[in-house]
PDB file of N, CA and C in Angstrom:
ATOM      1  N   MET A   1     117.930  93.254  96.478  1.00  0.00           N
ATOM      2  CA  MET A   1     116.659  92.390  97.367  1.00  0.00           C
ATOM      3  C   MET A   1     115.587  93.226  97.357  1.00  0.00           C
ATOM      4  N   THR A   2     114.553  92.884  97.604  1.00  0.00           N
ATOM      5  CA  THR A   2     113.116  92.965  97.699  1.00  0.00           C
ATOM      6  C   THR A   2     112.833  94.016  98.431  1.00  0.00           C
ATOM      7  N   GLN A   3     112.111  95.334  97.686  1.00  0.00           N
ATOM      8  CA  GLN A   3     111.623  96.390  98.677  1.00  0.00           C
ATOM      9  C   GLN A   3     110.479  95.917  99.648  1.00  0.00           C
ATOM     10  N   HIS A   4     110.226  96.381 100.714  1.00  0.00           N
ATOM     11  CA  HIS A   4     109.122  95.970 101.780  1.00  0.00           C
ATOM     12  C   HIS A   4     107.754  96.908 100.755  1.00  0.00           C
ATOM     13  N   THR A   5     106.944  95.684 100.283  1.00  0.00           N
ATOM     14  CA  THR A   5     105.672  96.366  99.640  1.00  0.00           C
ATOM     15  C   THR A   5     104.742  95.425 100.192  1.00  0.00           C
ATOM     16  N   ASP A   6     104.298  95.664 101.578  1.00  0.00           N
ATOM     17  CA  ASP A   6     103.866  94.890 102.600  1.00  0.00           C
ATOM     18  C   ASP A   6     102.194  95.226 102.585  1.00  0.00           C
ATOM     19  N   LEU A   7     101.478  94.093 102.496  1.00  0.00           N
ATOM     20  CA  LEU A   7      99.939  94.238 102.457  1.00  0.00           C
ATOM     21  C   LEU A   7      99.852  93.799 104.323  1.00  0.00           C
ATOM     22  N   PRO A   8      98.995  94.916 104.748  1.00  0.00           N
ATOM     23  CA  PRO A   8      98.818  94.876 106.242  1.00  0.00           C
ATOM     24  C   PRO A   8      98.423  93.342 106.440  1.00  0.00           C
ATOM     25  N   SER A   9      98.840  92.847 107.701  1.00  0.00           N
ATOM     26  CA  SER A   9      98.723  91.150 108.250  1.00  0.00           C
ATOM     27  C   SER A   9      97.194  91.194 108.084  1.00  0.00           C
ATOM     28  N   ASP A  10      96.225  92.060 108.500  1.00  0.00           N
ATOM     29  CA  ASP A  10      94.978  92.068 108.904  1.00  0.00           C
ATOM     30  C   ASP A  10      94.287  91.723 107.449  1.00  0.00           C
ATOM     31  N   LEU A  11      94.824  91.990 106.564  1.00  0.00           N
ATOM     32  CA  LEU A  11      94.126  91.608 105.255  1.00  0.00           C
ATOM     33  C   LEU A  11      94.420  90.295 104.482  1.00  0.00           C
ATOM     34  N   LEU A  12      95.158  89.680 105.249  1.00  0.00           N
ATOM     35  CA  LEU A  12      95.677  88.325 104.960  1.00  0.00           C
ATOM     36  C   LEU A  12      94.733  87.493 105.260  1.00  0.00           C
ATOM     37  N   PRO A  13      94.137  86.191 104.457  1.00  0.00           N
ATOM     38  CA  PRO A  13      93.031  85.444 105.121  1.00  0.00           C
ATOM     39  C   PRO A  13      93.807  84.819 106.564  1.00  0.00           C
ATOM     40  N   PRO A  14      92.704  84.634 107.479  1.00  0.00           N
ATOM     41  CA  PRO A  14      93.241  83.999 108.806  1.00  0.00           C
ATOM     42  C   PRO A  14      94.114  82.772 108.915  1.00  0.00           C
ATOM     43  N   ALA A  15      93.761  82.017 107.967  1.00  0.00           N
ATOM     44  CA  ALA A  15      94.692  80.719 107.687  1.00  0.00           C
ATOM     45  C   ALA A  15      96.031  80.930 107.433  1.00  0.00           C
ATOM     46  N   VAL A  16      96.381  81.873 106.595  1.00  0.00           N
ATOM     47  CA  VAL A  16      97.802  82.645 106.040  1.00  0.00           C
ATOM     48  C   VAL A  16      98.511  83.052 107.135  1.00  0.00           C
ATOM     49  N   ARG A  17      97.853  84.158 107.718  1.00  0.00           N
ATOM     50  CA  ARG A  17      98.301  84.926 108.783  1.00  0.00           C
ATOM     51  C   ARG A  17      98.679  84.153 109.879  1.00  0.00           C
ATOM     52  N   GLN A  18      97.694  83.269 110.350  1.00  0.00           N
ATOM     53  CA  GLN A  18      97.972  82.391 111.546  1.00  0.00           C
ATOM     54  C   GLN A  18      99.191  81.275 111.129  1.00  0.00           C
ATOM     55  N   PHE A  19      99.098  80.790 110.073  1.00  0.00           N
ATOM     56  CA  PHE A  19      99.735  79.679 109.892  1.00  0.00           C
ATOM     57  C   PHE A  19     101.337  80.356 109.844  1.00  0.00           C
ATOM     58  N   LEU A  20     101.677  81.631 109.463  1.00  0.00           N
ATOM     59  CA  LEU A  20     102.946  82.409 109.200  1.00  0.00           C
ATOM     60  C   LEU A  20     103.081  82.633 110.657  1.00  0.00           C
ATOM     61  N   ASP A  21     102.234  83.066 111.256  1.00  0.00           N
ATOM     62  CA  ASP A  21     102.808  83.587 112.943  1.00  0.00           C
ATOM     63  C   ASP A  21     103.245  82.490 113.688  1.00  0.00           C
ATOM     64  N   ALA A  22     102.849  81.172 113.431  1.00  0.00           N
ATOM     65  CA  ALA A  22     102.960  80.072 114.332  1.00  0.00           C
ATOM     66  C   ALA A  22     104.469  79.385 113.538  1.00  0.00           C
ATOM     67  N   HIS A  23     104.351  79.400 112.174  1.00  0.00           N
ATOM     68  CA  HIS A  23     105.857  78.717 111.635  1.00  0.00           C
ATOM     69  C   HIS A  23     107.040  79.648 111.976  1.00  0.00           C
ATOM     70  N   ILE A  24     106.716  80.901 111.923  1.00  0.00           N
ATOM     71  CA  ILE A  24     107.927  81.865 112.307  1.00  0.00           C
ATOM     72  C   ILE A  24     108.547  81.841 113.746  1.00  0.00           C
ATOM     73  N   VAL A  25     107.708  81.145 114.487  1.00  0.00           N
ATOM     74  CA  VAL A  25     108.213  80.906 115.976  1.00  0.00           C
ATOM     75  C   VAL A  25     108.481  79.498 116.026  1.00  0.00           C
ATOM     76  N   ARG A  26     108.268  78.685 114.765  1.00  0.00           N
ATOM     77  CA  ARG A  26     108.669  77.302 114.902  1.00  0.00           C
ATOM     78  C   ARG A  26     107.746  76.549 115.825  1.00  0.00           C
ATOM     79  N   ASP A  27     106.434  76.969 115.606  1.00  0.00           N
ATOM     80  CA  ASP A  27     105.378  76.092 116.455  1.00  0.00           C
ATOM     81  C   ASP A  27     104.789  75.223 115.514  1.00  0.00           C
ATOM     82  N   ALA A  28     105.327  74.100 115.002  1.00  0.00           N
ATOM     83  CA  ALA A  28     104.805  73.178 113.909  1.00  0.00           C
ATOM     84  C   ALA A  28     103.171  72.908 114.270  1.00  0.00           C
ATOM     85  N   ASP A  29     102.726  72.270 115.533  1.00  0.00           N
ATOM     86  CA  ASP A  29     101.715  72.037 116.162  1.00  0.00           C
ATOM     87  C   ASP A  29     100.440  73.151 115.687  1.00  0.00           C
ATOM     88  N   THR A  30     100.613  74.284 115.987  1.00  0.00           N
ATOM     89  CA  THR A  30      99.586  75.052 115.533  1.00  0.00           C
ATOM     90  C   THR A  30      99.799  75.358 114.145  1.00  0.00           C
ATOM     91  N   ALA A  31     101.045  75.444 113.385  1.00  0.00           N
ATOM     92  CA  ALA A  31     101.178  75.904 112.255  1.00  0.00           C
ATOM     93  C   ALA A  31     100.220  74.766 111.416  1.00  0.00           C
ATOM     94  N   SER A  32     100.205  73.651 111.923  1.00  0.00           N
ATOM     95  CA  SER A  32      99.740  72.274 111.157  1.00  0.00           C
ATOM     96  C   SER A  32      98.585  72.394 111.161  1.00  0.00           C
ATOM     97  N   SER A  33      97.669  72.975 112.146  1.00  0.00           N
ATOM     98  CA  SER A  33      96.396  73.149 112.368  1.00  0.00           C
ATOM     99  C   SER A  33      95.648  73.938 111.134  1.00  0.00           C
ATOM    100  N   PHE A  34      96.355  74.603 110.487  1.00  0.00           N
ATOM    101  CA  PHE A  34      95.647  75.740 109.530  1.00  0.00           C
ATOM    102  C   PHE A  34      95.819  74.741 108.022  1.00  0.00           C
ATOM    103  N   LEU A  35      96.353  73.795 107.850  1.00  0.00           N
ATOM    104  CA  LEU A  35      96.681  72.757 106.616  1.00  0.00           C
ATOM    105  C   LEU A  35      95.282  71.933 106.472  1.00  0.00           C
ATOM    106  N   ALA A  36      94.743  71.821 105.522  1.00  0.00           N
ATOM    107  CA  ALA A  36      93.869  70.825 105.139  1.00  0.00           C
ATOM    108  C   ALA A  36      94.247  69.642 105.095  1.00  0.00           C
ATOM    109  N   GLU A  37      93.452  68.470 105.550  1.00  0.00           N
ATOM    110  CA  GLU A  37      94.196  67.017 105.772  1.00  0.00           C
ATOM    111  C   GLU A  37      95.125  66.669 104.751  1.00  0.00           C
ATOM    112  N   ASP A  38      94.642  66.880 103.497  1.00  0.00           N
ATOM    113  CA  ASP A  38      95.309  66.409 102.354  1.00  0.00           C
ATOM    114  C   ASP A  38      96.249  67.091 101.734  1.00  0.00           C
ATOM    115  N   ALA A  39      96.566  68.360 102.516  1.00  0.00           N
ATOM    116  CA  ALA A  39      97.321  69.346 102.062  1.00  0.00           C
ATOM    117  C   ALA A  39      98.713  68.981 101.709  1.00  0.00           C
ATOM    118  N   VAL A  40      99.111  69.785 100.649  1.00  0.00           N
ATOM    119  CA  VAL A  40     100.666  69.464  99.878  1.00  0.00           C
ATOM    120  C   VAL A  40     101.547  70.538 100.162  1.00  0.00           C
ATOM    121  N   ILE A  41     102.930  70.371 100.518  1.00  0.00           N
ATOM    122  CA  ILE A  41     103.702  71.569 100.855  1.00  0.00           C
ATOM    123  C   ILE A  41     104.982  71.094  99.660  1.00  0.00           C
ATOM    124  N   VAL A  42     105.492  72.066  98.874  1.00  0.00           N
ATOM    125  CA  VAL A  42     106.684  71.828  97.992  1.00  0.00           C
ATOM    126  C   VAL A  42     107.514  73.044  98.454  1.00  0.00           C
ATOM    127  N   ASP A  43     108.636  72.321  98.715  1.00  0.00           N
ATOM    128  CA  ASP A  43     109.967  73.164  99.143  1.00  0.00           C
ATOM    129  C   ASP A  43     111.166  72.393  98.588  1.00  0.00           C
ATOM    130  N   GLN A  44     111.919  73.554  97.941  1.00  0.00           N
ATOM    131  CA  GLN A  44     113.103  72.914  97.278  1.00  0.00           C
ATOM    132  C   GLN A  44     113.037  71.733  96.557  1.00  0.00           C
ATOM    133  N   ASP A  45     111.841  71.687  95.584  1.00  0.00           N
ATOM    134  CA  ASP A  45     111.799  70.738  94.743  1.00  0.00           C
ATOM    135  C   ASP A  45     111.133  69.304  95.211  1.00  0.00           C
ATOM    136  N   GLU A  46     111.075  69.416  96.772  1.00  0.00           N
ATOM    137  CA  GLU A  46     110.480  68.098  97.437  1.00  0.00           C
ATOM    138  C   GLU A  46     109.060  68.495  97.648  1.00  0.00           C
ATOM    139  N   THR A  47     108.503  67.222  97.752  1.00  0.00           N
ATOM    140  CA  THR A  47     107.013  67.358  97.825  1.00  0.00           C
ATOM    141  C   THR A  47     106.476  66.471  99.160  1.00  0.00           C
ATOM    142  N   PHE A  48     105.811  67.181  99.805  1.00  0.00           N
ATOM    143  CA  PHE A  48     105.297  66.399 100.882  1.00  0.00           C
ATOM    144  C   PHE A  48     103.574  66.283 101.033  1.00  0.00           C
ATOM    145  N   ARG A  49     103.230  65.512 101.207  1.00  0.00           N
ATOM    146  CA  ARG A  49     101.520  64.931 100.854  1.00  0.00           C
ATOM    147  C   ARG A  49     101.014  64.637 102.046  1.00  0.00           C
ATOM    148  N   GLY A  50      99.797  65.012 102.504  1.00  0.00           N
ATOM    149  CA  GLY A  50      99.060  64.597 103.646  1.00  0.00           C
ATOM    150  C   GLY A  50      99.554  65.039 105.064  1.00  0.00           C
ATOM    151  N   ARG A  51      98.667  64.711 105.968  1.00  0.00           N
ATOM    152  CA  ARG A  51      99.014  65.054 107.649  1.00  0.00           C
ATOM    153  C   ARG A  51     100.459  64.546 107.805  1.00  0.00           C
ATOM    154  N   GLU A  52     100.623  63.542 107.596  1.00  0.00           N
ATOM    155  CA  GLU A  52     102.260  62.806 108.359  1.00  0.00           C
ATOM    156  C   GLU A  52     103.141  63.569 107.641  1.00  0.00           C
ATOM    157  N   GLU A  53     103.296  63.457 106.423  1.00  0.00           N
ATOM    158  CA  GLU A  53     104.496  64.160 105.812  1.00  0.00           C
ATOM    159  C   GLU A  53     104.515  65.956 105.875  1.00  0.00           C
ATOM    160  N   THR A  54     103.452  66.407 106.018  1.00  0.00           N
ATOM    161  CA  THR A  54     103.473  67.897 106.106  1.00  0.00           C
ATOM    162  C   THR A  54     103.562  68.022 107.715  1.00  0.00           C
ATOM    163  N   ASP A  55     103.228  67.442 108.693  1.00  0.00           N
ATOM    164  CA  ASP A  55     103.628  67.687 110.044  1.00  0.00           C
ATOM    165  C   ASP A  55     105.153  67.528 110.084  1.00  0.00           C
ATOM    166  N   ALA A  56     105.869  66.389 109.565  1.00  0.00           N
ATOM    167  CA  ALA A  56     107.453  66.290 109.806  1.00  0.00           C
ATOM    168  C   ALA A  56     107.760  67.382 109.006  1.00  0.00           C
ATOM    169  N   PHE A  57     107.397  67.850 107.894  1.00  0.00           N
ATOM    170  CA  PHE A  57     108.108  68.909 107.121  1.00  0.00           C
ATOM    171  C   PHE A  57     108.368  70.462 108.104  1.00  0.00           C
ATOM    172  N   LEU A  58     107.086  70.200 108.724  1.00  0.00           N
ATOM    173  CA  LEU A  58     107.167  71.775 109.478  1.00  0.00           C
ATOM    174  C   LEU A  58     107.664  71.508 110.848  1.00  0.00           C
ATOM    175  N   ARG A  59     107.814  70.497 111.451  1.00  0.00           N
ATOM    176  CA  ARG A  59     108.663  70.419 112.531  1.00  0.00           C
ATOM    177  C   ARG A  59     110.125  70.035 112.254  1.00  0.00           C
ATOM    178  N   ASP A  60     110.637  69.732 111.025  1.00  0.00           N
ATOM    179  CA  ASP A  60     111.976  69.533 110.924  1.00  0.00           C
ATOM    180  C   ASP A  60     112.925  70.533 110.009  1.00  0.00           C
ATOM    181  N   ALA A  61     111.979  71.172 109.062  1.00  0.00           N
ATOM    182  CA  ALA A  61     112.564  72.072 107.984  1.00  0.00           C
ATOM    183  C   ALA A  61     113.481  73.054 108.737  1.00  0.00           C
ATOM    184  N   GLY A  62     114.574  73.132 108.236  1.00  0.00           N
ATOM    185  CA  GLY A  62     115.529  74.326 108.906  1.00  0.00           C
ATOM    186  C   GLY A  62     116.066  74.302 110.409  1.00  0.00           C
ATOM    187  N   SER A  63     115.677  73.132 110.960  1.00  0.00           N
ATOM    188  CA  SER A  63     115.906  72.824 112.595  1.00  0.00           C
ATOM    189  C   SER A  63     117.509  72.983 112.496  1.00  0.00           C
ATOM    190  N   GLU A  64     118.296  72.551 111.602  1.00  0.00           N
ATOM    191  CA  GLU A  64     119.859  72.388 111.890  1.00  0.00           C
ATOM    192  C   GLU A  64     120.132  73.741 111.902  1.00  0.00           C
ATOM    193  N   PHE A  65     119.469  74.927 111.553  1.00  0.00           N
ATOM    194  CA  PHE A  65     119.978  76.312 111.498  1.00  0.00           C
ATOM    195  C   PHE A  65     119.381  77.254 112.536  1.00  0.00           C
ATOM    196  N   GLU A  66     120.085  78.266 112.691  1.00  0.00           N
ATOM    197  CA  GLU A  66     119.335  79.244 113.396  1.00  0.00           C
ATOM    198  C   GLU A  66     119.222  80.395 112.453  1.00  0.00           C
ATOM    199  N   TYR A  67     118.053  81.128 112.616  1.00  0.00           N
ATOM    200  CA  TYR A  67     117.691  82.204 111.806  1.00  0.00           C
ATOM    201  C   TYR A  67     116.451  83.165 111.967  1.00  0.00           C
ATOM    202  N   THR A  68     116.659  84.151 111.651  1.00  0.00           N
ATOM    203  CA  THR A  68     115.220  85.068 111.896  1.00  0.00           C
ATOM    204  C   THR A  68     114.384  85.061 110.473  1.00  0.00           C
ATOM    205  N   THR A  69     112.850  85.407 110.895  1.00  0.00           N
ATOM    206  CA  THR A  69     112.121  85.558 109.471  1.00  0.00           C
ATOM    207  C   THR A  69     111.356  86.840 109.646  1.00  0.00           C
ATOM    208  N   GLU A  70     111.570  87.475 108.640  1.00  0.00           N
ATOM    209  CA  GLU A  70     110.600  88.848 108.565  1.00  0.00           C
ATOM    210  C   GLU A  70     109.844  88.723 107.414  1.00  0.00           C
ATOM    211  N   ARG A  71     108.397  88.849 107.419  1.00  0.00           N
ATOM    212  CA  ARG A  71     107.490  89.174 106.369  1.00  0.00           C
ATOM    213  C   ARG A  71     107.708  90.352 105.645  1.00  0.00           C
ATOM    214  N   ILE A  72     108.249  90.359 104.408  1.00  0.00           N
ATOM    215  CA  ILE A  72     108.483  91.816 103.655  1.00  0.00           C
ATOM    216  C   ILE A  72     107.230  92.028 102.374  1.00  0.00           C
ATOM    217  N   GLY A  73     106.544  91.499 102.377  1.00  0.00           N
ATOM    218  CA  GLY A  73     105.646  91.433 101.118  1.00  0.00           C
ATOM    219  C   GLY A  73     104.550  90.342 101.114  1.00  0.00           C
ATOM    220  N   ALA A  74     103.283  90.963 100.524  1.00  0.00           N
ATOM    221  CA  ALA A  74     102.392  90.038 100.482  1.00  0.00           C
ATOM    222  C   ALA A  74     101.260  90.704  99.391  1.00  0.00           C
ATOM    223  N   HIS A  75     100.843  89.506  98.615  1.00  0.00           N
ATOM    224  CA  HIS A  75      99.893  90.034  97.726  1.00  0.00           C
ATOM    225  C   HIS A  75      98.830  89.135  97.510  1.00  0.00           C
ATOM    226  N   ARG A  76      97.500  89.541  96.848  1.00  0.00           N
ATOM    227  CA  ARG A  76      96.614  88.708  96.585  1.00  0.00           C
ATOM    228  C   ARG A  76      96.553  88.323  95.308  1.00  0.00           C
ATOM    229  N   VAL A  77      96.406  87.067  94.693  1.00  0.00           N
ATOM    230  CA  VAL A  77      96.418  86.712  93.467  1.00  0.00           C
ATOM    231  C   VAL A  77      94.924  86.497  93.023  1.00  0.00           C
ATOM    232  N   ASP A  78      94.218  86.107  93.953  1.00  0.00           N
ATOM    233  CA  ASP A  78      92.599  85.638  93.655  1.00  0.00           C
ATOM    234  C   ASP A  78      92.328  85.349  95.036  1.00  0.00           C
ATOM    235  N   ASP A  79      90.827  85.217  94.832  1.00  0.00           N
ATOM    236  CA  ASP A  79      90.114  84.720  96.386  1.00  0.00           C
ATOM    237  C   ASP A  79      90.684  83.549  96.770  1.00  0.00           C
ATOM    238  N   THR A  80      91.284  82.677  96.175  1.00  0.00           N
ATOM    239  CA  THR A  80      92.018  81.633  96.897  1.00  0.00           C
ATOM    240  C   THR A  80      93.375  81.349  96.864  1.00  0.00           C
ATOM    241  N   HIS A  81      94.147  82.433  96.411  1.00  0.00           N
ATOM    242  CA  HIS A  81      95.731  82.145  96.104  1.00  0.00           C
ATOM    243  C   HIS A  81      96.251  83.740  96.781  1.00  0.00           C
ATOM    244  N   TRP A  82      97.235  83.542  97.611  1.00  0.00           N
ATOM    245  CA  TRP A  82      97.989  84.507  98.159  1.00  0.00           C
ATOM    246  C   TRP A  82      99.456  84.347  98.100  1.00  0.00           C
ATOM    247  N   VAL A  83     100.286  85.047  98.294  1.00  0.00           N
ATOM    248  CA  VAL A  83     101.697  85.134  97.967  1.00  0.00           C
ATOM    249  C   VAL A  83     102.398  85.963  98.970  1.00  0.00           C
ATOM    250  N   VAL A  84     103.078  85.537 100.133  1.00  0.00           N
ATOM    251  CA  VAL A  84     103.565  86.028 101.057  1.00  0.00           C
ATOM    252  C   VAL A  84     105.273  85.934 100.898  1.00  0.00           C
ATOM    253  N   THR A  85     106.158  86.980 101.101  1.00  0.00           N
ATOM    254  CA  THR A  85     107.359  87.122 100.766  1.00  0.00           C
ATOM    255  C   THR A  85     108.116  87.222 102.037  1.00  0.00           C
ATOM    256  N   VAL A  86     109.206  86.300 102.302  1.00  0.00           N
ATOM    257  CA  VAL A  86     109.705  86.481 103.453  1.00  0.00           C
ATOM    258  C   VAL A  86     111.316  86.505 103.292  1.00  0.00           C
ATOM    259  N   ARG A  87     111.595  87.277 104.084  1.00  0.00           N
ATOM    260  CA  ARG A  87     113.367  87.337 104.495  1.00  0.00           C
ATOM    261  C   ARG A  87     114.024  86.451 105.501  1.00  0.00           C
ATOM    262  N   LEU A  88     114.703  85.434 105.202  1.00  0.00           N
ATOM    263  CA  LEU A  88     115.510  84.855 106.464  1.00  0.00           C
ATOM    264  C   LEU A  88     116.771  85.079 106.471  1.00  0.00           C
ATOM    265  N   GLU A  89     117.370  85.379 107.489  1.00  0.00           N
ATOM    266  CA  GLU A  89     118.777  85.681 107.667  1.00  0.00           C
ATOM    267  C   GLU A  89     119.433  84.846 109.051  1.00  0.00           C
ATOM    268  N   GLY A  90     120.423  84.188 108.862  1.00  0.00           N
ATOM    269  CA  GLY A  90     120.924  83.139 109.392  1.00  0.00           C
ATOM    270  C   GLY A  90     122.116  82.185 109.091  1.00  0.00           C
ATOM    271  N   THR A  91     122.270  81.251 109.979  1.00  0.00           N
ATOM    272  CA  THR A  91     123.445  80.369 109.776  1.00  0.00           C
ATOM    273  C   THR A  91     123.554  79.371 108.712  1.00  0.00           C
ATOM    274  N   PHE A  92     122.662  79.362 107.589  1.00  0.00           N
ATOM    275  CA  PHE A  92     122.485  78.670 106.660  1.00  0.00           C
ATOM    276  C   PHE A  92     123.228  79.110 105.414  1.00  0.00           C
ATOM    277  N   PRO A  93     123.669  78.196 104.532  1.00  0.00           N
ATOM    278  CA  PRO A  93     124.701  78.598 103.309  1.00  0.00           C
ATOM    279  C   PRO A  93     124.245  79.729 102.726  1.00  0.00           C
ATOM    280  N   GLY A  94     124.931  80.845 102.367  1.00  0.00           N
ATOM    281  CA  GLY A  94     124.507  82.110 102.075  1.00  0.00           C
ATOM    282  C   GLY A  94     124.010  83.259 102.909  1.00  0.00           C
ATOM    283  N   GLY A  95     123.372  82.498 104.174  1.00  0.00           N
ATOM    284  CA  GLY A  95     123.158  83.637 105.189  1.00  0.00           C
ATOM    285  C   GLY A  95     121.699  84.435 104.860  1.00  0.00           C
ATOM    286  N   VAL A  96     121.265  84.715 103.706  1.00  0.00           N
ATOM    287  CA  VAL A  96     120.235  85.613 103.421  1.00  0.00           C
ATOM    288  C   VAL A  96     119.569  84.891 102.388  1.00  0.00           C
ATOM    289  N   ALA A  97     118.166  84.814 102.545  1.00  0.00           N
ATOM    290  CA  ALA A  97     117.354  84.333 101.349  1.00  0.00           C
ATOM    291  C   ALA A  97     116.162  85.172 101.614  1.00  0.00           C
ATOM    292  N   GLU A  98     115.355  85.091 100.446  1.00  0.00           N
ATOM    293  CA  GLU A  98     114.144  85.657 100.216  1.00  0.00           C
ATOM    294  C   GLU A  98     113.326  84.663  99.199  1.00  0.00           C
ATOM    295  N   LEU A  99     111.941  84.314 100.198  1.00  0.00           N
ATOM    296  CA  LEU A  99     111.158  83.219  99.708  1.00  0.00           C
ATOM    297  C   LEU A  99     110.009  83.665  99.483  1.00  0.00           C
ATOM    298  N   ASP A 100     109.368  83.020  98.484  1.00  0.00           N
ATOM    299  CA  ASP A 100     107.938  83.535  98.223  1.00  0.00           C
ATOM    300  C   ASP A 100     107.294  81.969  98.979  1.00  0.00           C
ATOM    301  N   TYR A 101     106.157  82.433  99.628  1.00  0.00           N
ATOM    302  CA  TYR A 101     105.174  81.432 100.191  1.00  0.00           C
ATOM    303  C   TYR A 101     104.121  81.474  99.477  1.00  0.00           C
ATOM    304  N   ARG A 102     103.710  80.720  98.560  1.00  0.00           N
ATOM    305  CA  ARG A 102     102.465  80.830  97.663  1.00  0.00           C
ATOM    306  C   ARG A 102     101.730  79.641  98.141  1.00  0.00           C
ATOM    307  N   PHE A 103     100.443  80.193  98.839  1.00  0.00           N
ATOM    308  CA  PHE A 103      99.401  79.704  99.460  1.00  0.00           C
ATOM    309  C   PHE A 103      98.119  79.510  98.506  1.00  0.00           C
ATOM    310  N   ALA A 104      97.525  78.376  98.297  1.00  0.00           N
ATOM    311  CA  ALA A 104      96.368  78.095  97.800  1.00  0.00           C
ATOM    312  C   ALA A 104      95.413  77.372  99.009  1.00  0.00           C
ATOM    313  N   LEU A 105      94.576  78.189  99.107  1.00  0.00           N
ATOM    314  CA  LEU A 105      93.222  77.539 100.098  1.00  0.00           C
ATOM    315  C   LEU A 105      91.952  77.248  99.777  1.00  0.00           C
ATOM    316  N   ARG A 106      91.517  76.423 100.371  1.00  0.00           N
ATOM    317  CA  ARG A 106      90.123  75.818 100.275  1.00  0.00           C
ATOM    318  C   ARG A 106      89.367  75.404 101.609  1.00  0.00           C
ATOM    319  N   ASP A 107      88.204  76.023 101.555  1.00  0.00           N
ATOM    320  CA  ASP A 107      87.314  75.781 102.787  1.00  0.00           C
ATOM    321  C   ASP A 107      88.179  76.539 104.174  1.00  0.00           C
ATOM    322  N   ASP A 108      88.704  77.486 103.610  1.00  0.00           N
ATOM    323  CA  ASP A 108      89.307  78.458 104.958  1.00  0.00           C
ATOM    324  C   ASP A 108      90.477  77.760 105.431  1.00  0.00           C
ATOM    325  N   LEU A 109      91.294  76.785 104.538  1.00  0.00           N
ATOM    326  CA  LEU A 109      92.377  75.755 104.976  1.00  0.00           C
ATOM    327  C   LEU A 109      93.228  76.344 104.165  1.00  0.00           C
ATOM    328  N   ILE A 110      94.773  75.917 104.376  1.00  0.00           N
ATOM    329  CA  ILE A 110      95.647  76.005 103.130  1.00  0.00           C
ATOM    330  C   ILE A 110      95.770  74.379 102.867  1.00  0.00           C
ATOM    331  N   ALA A 111      95.281  74.629 101.470  1.00  0.00           N
ATOM    332  CA  ALA A 111      95.491  73.195 100.593  1.00  0.00           C
ATOM    333  C   ALA A 111      96.639  72.758  99.902  1.00  0.00           C
ATOM    334  N   GLU A 112      97.363  74.025  99.802  1.00  0.00           N
ATOM    335  CA  GLU A 112      98.979  73.839  99.178  1.00  0.00           C
ATOM    336  C   GLU A 112      99.652  75.157  99.198  1.00  0.00           C
ATOM    337  N   LEU A 113     100.781  74.753  99.640  1.00  0.00           N
ATOM    338  CA  LEU A 113     102.025  75.853 100.042  1.00  0.00           C
ATOM    339  C   LEU A 113     103.339  75.463  99.084  1.00  0.00           C
ATOM    340  N   VAL A 114     103.546  76.414  98.282  1.00  0.00           N
ATOM    341  CA  VAL A 114     104.884  76.230  97.536  1.00  0.00           C
ATOM    342  C   VAL A 114     105.603  77.351  98.238  1.00  0.00           C
ATOM    343  N   ILE A 115     106.886  76.812  98.495  1.00  0.00           N
ATOM    344  CA  ILE A 115     107.951  77.651  98.949  1.00  0.00           C
ATOM    345  C   ILE A 115     109.083  77.715  97.846  1.00  0.00           C
ATOM    346  N   ALA A 116     109.509  79.128  97.355  1.00  0.00           N
ATOM    347  CA  ALA A 116     110.551  79.026  96.098  1.00  0.00           C
ATOM    348  C   ALA A 116     111.055  80.058  96.497  1.00  0.00           C
ATOM    349  N   ASN A 117     112.302  80.353  95.873  1.00  0.00           N
ATOM    350  CA  ASN A 117     113.072  81.409  95.818  1.00  0.00           C
ATOM    351  C   ASN A 117     112.198  82.694  95.177  1.00  0.00           C
ATOM    352  N   HIS A 118     112.393  83.901  95.868  1.00  0.00           N
ATOM    353  CA  HIS A 118     111.771  85.032  95.378  1.00  0.00           C
ATOM    354  C   HIS A 118     112.759  85.659  94.082  1.00  0.00           C
ATOM    355  N   PRO A 119     111.887  85.565  92.839  1.00  0.00           N
ATOM    356  CA  PRO A 119     112.489  86.258  91.697  1.00  0.00           C
ATOM    357  C   PRO A 119     113.399  87.631  91.961  1.00  0.00           C
ATOM    358  N   VAL A 120     114.389  88.012  91.699  1.00  0.00           N
ATOM    359  CA  VAL A 120     115.303  89.017  91.773  1.00  0.00           C
ATOM    360  C   VAL A 120     114.907  90.065  90.961  1.00  0.00           C
TER     361      VAL A 120
END
């Protein structure tokens, strides 16, 4: 599993930091407020586009499971791209997952979020 290679939270862009804070506690309305109106979220080969689809994704994703989320790593790719690695533990198949949340920002909002398995 991944070593803790954490970039301090205060060095993440506010939209990324606040989105994750809300998403971790399953506050979909607050998390959605950090997305651009035409945002795209890709998760497990499914793509959600625009406010209605991304709101539904944030509200419903993982709701059938109980799990905890811990941010275990983060890095800046460039001025508009950031990757945050999270570790999920819970009642979903496999019980443990490490995922990369790949953010693309535009005008201080999240324009794209791709959620993918963290490479081993």
